Amino acid sequence: LTKPIDLSKLSRMLQQYLPQEKILEEEPDAQANEFQDKQLSILRDTLSPLGFARVNAALDSGKLSRVETALSDLQSAHQGLMDVLGELENALAYPSLRPQLGQVWRRARLHLNRIGADQLLSQAKLLDRATTDGESTYLATHLGPFVSQLSAMLRQLTDALSKLHLPPPTVEPHALLEQLHEALLYY
């Protein structure tokens, strides 16, 4: 067995070399499964109406690890998009800030992609391209409606997250590196 350890190989080796009486088969806990199913049902009822493709795919998989990752991504995206919304609202109020929105659009795209908010993601891509290409007319026409849609989506997401009573997201090492990278690019 070599590093990195492949869990399926490790399991096969343990079953092969350990005496049979030492191997215990775990029986699935019916109560734990029922509780998990109930939790998934509550999450589906609360989050599915939002229409986030990646979150819905995780919920449909029924795998707790995927659901936990999706919830963490959802909380992180919520916070990131709240920050993005503030910067976009400033750009609405002060049109001279619009040419500097490149990094804001990239962060918006990152968070929207992370949760699977495909409609807003495609609009953010177009607005990013308009910013990069200096298309001020397109930006002036489409920025307001995008900010309104993002704000409405964030209100719905805030309501959904408050109903779930989730603990605050923990910062994963890779997320911390992403935040540091974003900060360095932004400044």
Protein backbone atom coordinates (compact mmCIF):
# COMPACT_ATOMS: atom_id res chain seq x y z
CA LEU A 1 0.00 0.00 0.00
CA THR A 2 1.50 3.30 -1.09
CA LYS A 3 0.63 6.94 -0.60
CA PRO A 4 -1.76 8.41 -1.45
CA ILE A 5 -3.87 5.75 0.23
CA ASP A 6 -6.76 4.45 -1.80
CA LEU A 7 -9.51 3.61 0.69
CA SER A 8 -10.96 0.82 -1.42
CA LYS A 9 -7.54 -0.88 -1.66
CA LEU A 10 -7.02 -0.45 2.08
CA SER A 11 -10.40 -1.99 2.78
CA ARG A 12 -9.68 -4.97 0.48
CA MET A 13 -6.27 -5.51 2.09
CA LEU A 14 -7.72 -5.39 5.60
CA GLN A 15 -10.40 -7.90 4.66
CA GLN A 16 -7.81 -10.14 3.02
CA TYR A 17 -5.22 -10.18 5.81
CA LEU A 18 -7.25 -9.78 9.01
CA PRO A 19 -8.73 -12.87 10.63
CA GLN A 20 -12.44 -13.14 9.88
CA GLU A 21 -13.44 -12.93 13.57
CA LYS A 22 -11.77 -9.50 13.81
CA ILE A 23 -13.86 -8.03 10.99
CA LEU A 24 -17.11 -6.49 12.19
CA GLU A 25 -19.85 -5.69 9.72
CA GLU A 26 -21.67 -2.53 10.64
CA GLU A 27 -25.41 -2.70 10.36
CA PRO A 28 -27.04 0.49 9.16
CA ASP A 29 -28.69 2.38 11.99
CA ALA A 30 -32.36 2.74 11.07
CA GLN A 31 -32.86 5.75 13.34
CA ALA A 32 -29.84 7.55 11.89
CA ASN A 33 -31.04 6.87 8.35
CA GLU A 34 -34.53 8.13 9.19
CA PHE A 35 -33.08 11.29 10.77
CA GLN A 36 -30.84 11.88 7.75
CA ASP A 37 -33.78 11.40 5.37
CA LYS A 38 -35.82 13.88 7.38
CA GLN A 39 -32.98 16.43 7.28
CA LEU A 40 -32.59 16.00 3.52
CA SER A 41 -36.34 16.47 3.08
CA ILE A 42 -36.26 19.74 5.04
CA LEU A 43 -33.27 20.94 3.03
CA ARG A 44 -34.96 20.02 -0.27
CA ASP A 45 -38.18 21.79 0.72
CA THR A 46 -36.26 24.92 1.73
CA LEU A 47 -33.55 25.11 -0.93
CA SER A 48 -34.98 23.48 -4.08
CA PRO A 49 -37.34 26.39 -4.86
CA LEU A 50 -34.29 28.66 -5.21
CA GLY A 51 -33.30 26.75 -8.35
CA PHE A 52 -29.55 26.44 -7.77
CA ALA A 53 -28.42 23.58 -10.02
CA ARG A 54 -25.37 22.48 -8.02
CA VAL A 55 -27.13 22.65 -4.67
CA ASN A 56 -30.10 20.70 -6.05
CA ALA A 57 -27.78 18.07 -7.54
CA ALA A 58 -26.13 17.60 -4.15
CA LEU A 59 -29.52 17.29 -2.45
CA ASP A 60 -30.73 14.81 -5.06
CA SER A 61 -27.63 12.67 -4.59
CA GLY A 62 -28.65 11.99 -0.99
CA LYS A 63 -24.98 11.79 0.02
CA LEU A 64 -24.44 13.67 3.24
CA SER A 65 -20.88 14.70 2.34
CA ARG A 66 -22.06 16.32 -0.91
CA VAL A 67 -24.91 18.06 0.89
CA GLU A 68 -22.57 19.41 3.58
CA THR A 69 -20.20 20.72 0.91
CA ALA A 70 -23.09 22.32 -0.97
CA LEU A 71 -24.36 23.99 2.21
CA SER A 72 -20.91 25.31 2.99
CA ASP A 73 -20.60 26.61 -0.59
CA LEU A 74 -24.05 28.17 -0.29
CA GLN A 75 -23.14 30.02 2.90
CA SER A 76 -19.82 31.15 1.46
CA ALA A 77 -21.46 32.28 -1.79
CA HIS A 78 -24.13 34.14 0.17
CA GLN A 79 -21.52 36.16 2.04
CA GLY A 80 -19.44 36.75 -1.08
CA LEU A 81 -22.44 37.82 -3.15
CA MET A 82 -23.58 40.21 -0.42
CA ASP A 83 -20.19 41.92 -0.75
CA VAL A 84 -20.48 41.92 -4.55
CA LEU A 85 -23.98 43.41 -4.32
CA GLY A 86 -22.67 46.30 -2.22
CA GLU A 87 -19.99 47.08 -4.78
CA LEU A 88 -22.45 46.87 -7.67
CA GLU A 89 -24.87 49.19 -5.88
CA ASN A 90 -22.00 51.68 -5.49
CA ALA A 91 -21.31 51.39 -9.22
CA LEU A 92 -24.98 52.14 -9.90
CA ALA A 93 -24.81 55.24 -7.74
CA TYR A 94 -21.42 56.34 -9.10
CA PRO A 95 -21.09 55.50 -12.82
CA SER A 96 -17.41 56.48 -12.79
CA LEU A 97 -16.73 53.25 -10.84
CA ARG A 98 -18.13 50.99 -13.59
CA PRO A 99 -14.91 50.58 -15.58
CA GLN A 100 -13.23 49.11 -12.47
CA LEU A 101 -15.79 46.32 -11.99
CA GLY A 102 -13.68 43.58 -13.59
CA GLN A 103 -12.68 41.90 -10.32
CA VAL A 104 -16.19 42.30 -8.92
CA TRP A 105 -17.63 40.43 -11.91
CA ARG A 106 -15.06 37.66 -11.53
CA ARG A 107 -15.98 37.20 -7.86
CA ALA A 108 -19.68 37.26 -8.75
CA ARG A 109 -19.11 34.60 -11.41
CA LEU A 110 -17.10 32.45 -8.98
CA HIS A 111 -19.86 32.48 -6.36
CA LEU A 112 -22.73 32.09 -8.81
CA ASN A 113 -20.98 29.16 -10.47
CA ARG A 114 -20.23 27.55 -7.10
CA ILE A 115 -23.95 27.26 -6.29
CA GLY A 116 -25.24 26.78 -9.83
CA ALA A 117 -27.20 30.03 -10.24
CA ASP A 118 -26.95 29.63 -14.00
CA GLN A 119 -29.21 32.47 -15.18
CA LEU A 120 -27.43 35.11 -13.10
CA LEU A 121 -24.08 33.56 -14.00
CA SER A 122 -24.68 34.00 -17.73
CA GLN A 123 -25.73 37.63 -17.16
CA ALA A 124 -22.62 38.26 -15.04
CA LYS A 125 -20.45 36.86 -17.84
CA LEU A 126 -22.01 39.25 -20.34
CA LEU A 127 -21.61 42.20 -17.98
CA ASP A 128 -17.99 41.21 -17.29
CA ARG A 129 -17.30 41.11 -21.02
CA ALA A 130 -18.99 44.51 -21.46
CA THR A 131 -16.80 45.94 -18.69
CA THR A 132 -13.65 44.48 -20.23
CA ASP A 133 -14.58 45.70 -23.73
CA GLY A 134 -15.57 49.15 -22.46
CA GLU A 135 -19.18 48.85 -23.64
CA SER A 136 -20.60 51.51 -21.33
CA THR A 137 -24.01 51.58 -23.03
CA TYR A 138 -24.60 47.84 -22.45
CA LEU A 139 -23.34 48.16 -18.90
CA ALA A 140 -25.57 51.17 -18.18
CA THR A 141 -28.62 49.35 -19.58
CA HIS A 142 -28.12 45.95 -17.91
CA LEU A 143 -26.41 46.73 -14.60
CA GLY A 144 -29.59 47.94 -12.84
CA PRO A 145 -31.71 44.89 -13.71
CA PHE A 146 -28.85 42.55 -12.74
CA VAL A 147 -28.48 44.25 -9.36
CA SER A 148 -32.25 43.95 -8.80
CA GLN A 149 -32.25 40.24 -9.67
CA LEU A 150 -29.19 39.55 -7.53
CA SER A 151 -30.74 41.44 -4.62
CA ALA A 152 -34.01 39.48 -4.91
CA MET A 153 -32.11 36.17 -5.08
CA LEU A 154 -30.06 37.11 -2.02
CA ARG A 155 -33.21 38.02 -0.06
CA GLN A 156 -34.65 34.58 -0.85
CA LEU A 157 -31.38 32.90 0.05
CA THR A 158 -31.14 34.84 3.32
CA ASP A 159 -34.67 33.74 4.24
CA ALA A 160 -33.90 30.11 3.35
CA LEU A 161 -30.64 30.05 5.32
CA SER A 162 -32.29 31.65 8.36
CA LYS A 163 -34.96 28.91 8.34
CA LEU A 164 -32.26 26.23 8.41
CA HIS A 165 -30.47 27.64 11.50
CA LEU A 166 -27.08 26.62 10.13
CA PRO A 167 -23.88 27.29 12.06
CA PRO A 168 -21.60 29.90 10.49
CA PRO A 169 -19.40 28.48 7.74
CA THR A 170 -15.93 27.38 8.67
CA VAL A 171 -13.11 28.60 6.52
CA GLU A 172 -11.51 25.68 4.71
CA PRO A 173 -7.79 26.01 3.90
CA HIS A 174 -8.48 26.06 0.14
CA ALA A 175 -11.18 28.72 0.66
CA LEU A 176 -8.74 30.80 2.68
CA LEU A 177 -6.24 30.58 -0.18
CA GLU A 178 -8.98 31.60 -2.65
CA GLN A 179 -9.84 34.61 -0.48
CA LEU A 180 -6.19 35.58 -0.22
CA HIS A 181 -5.78 35.22 -4.00
CA GLU A 182 -8.88 37.35 -4.61
CA ALA A 183 -7.64 39.98 -2.17
CA LEU A 184 -4.25 40.17 -3.86
CA LEU A 185 -5.83 40.44 -7.31
CA TYR A 186 -8.31 43.03 -6.17
CA TYR A 187 -5.79 45.38 -4.60
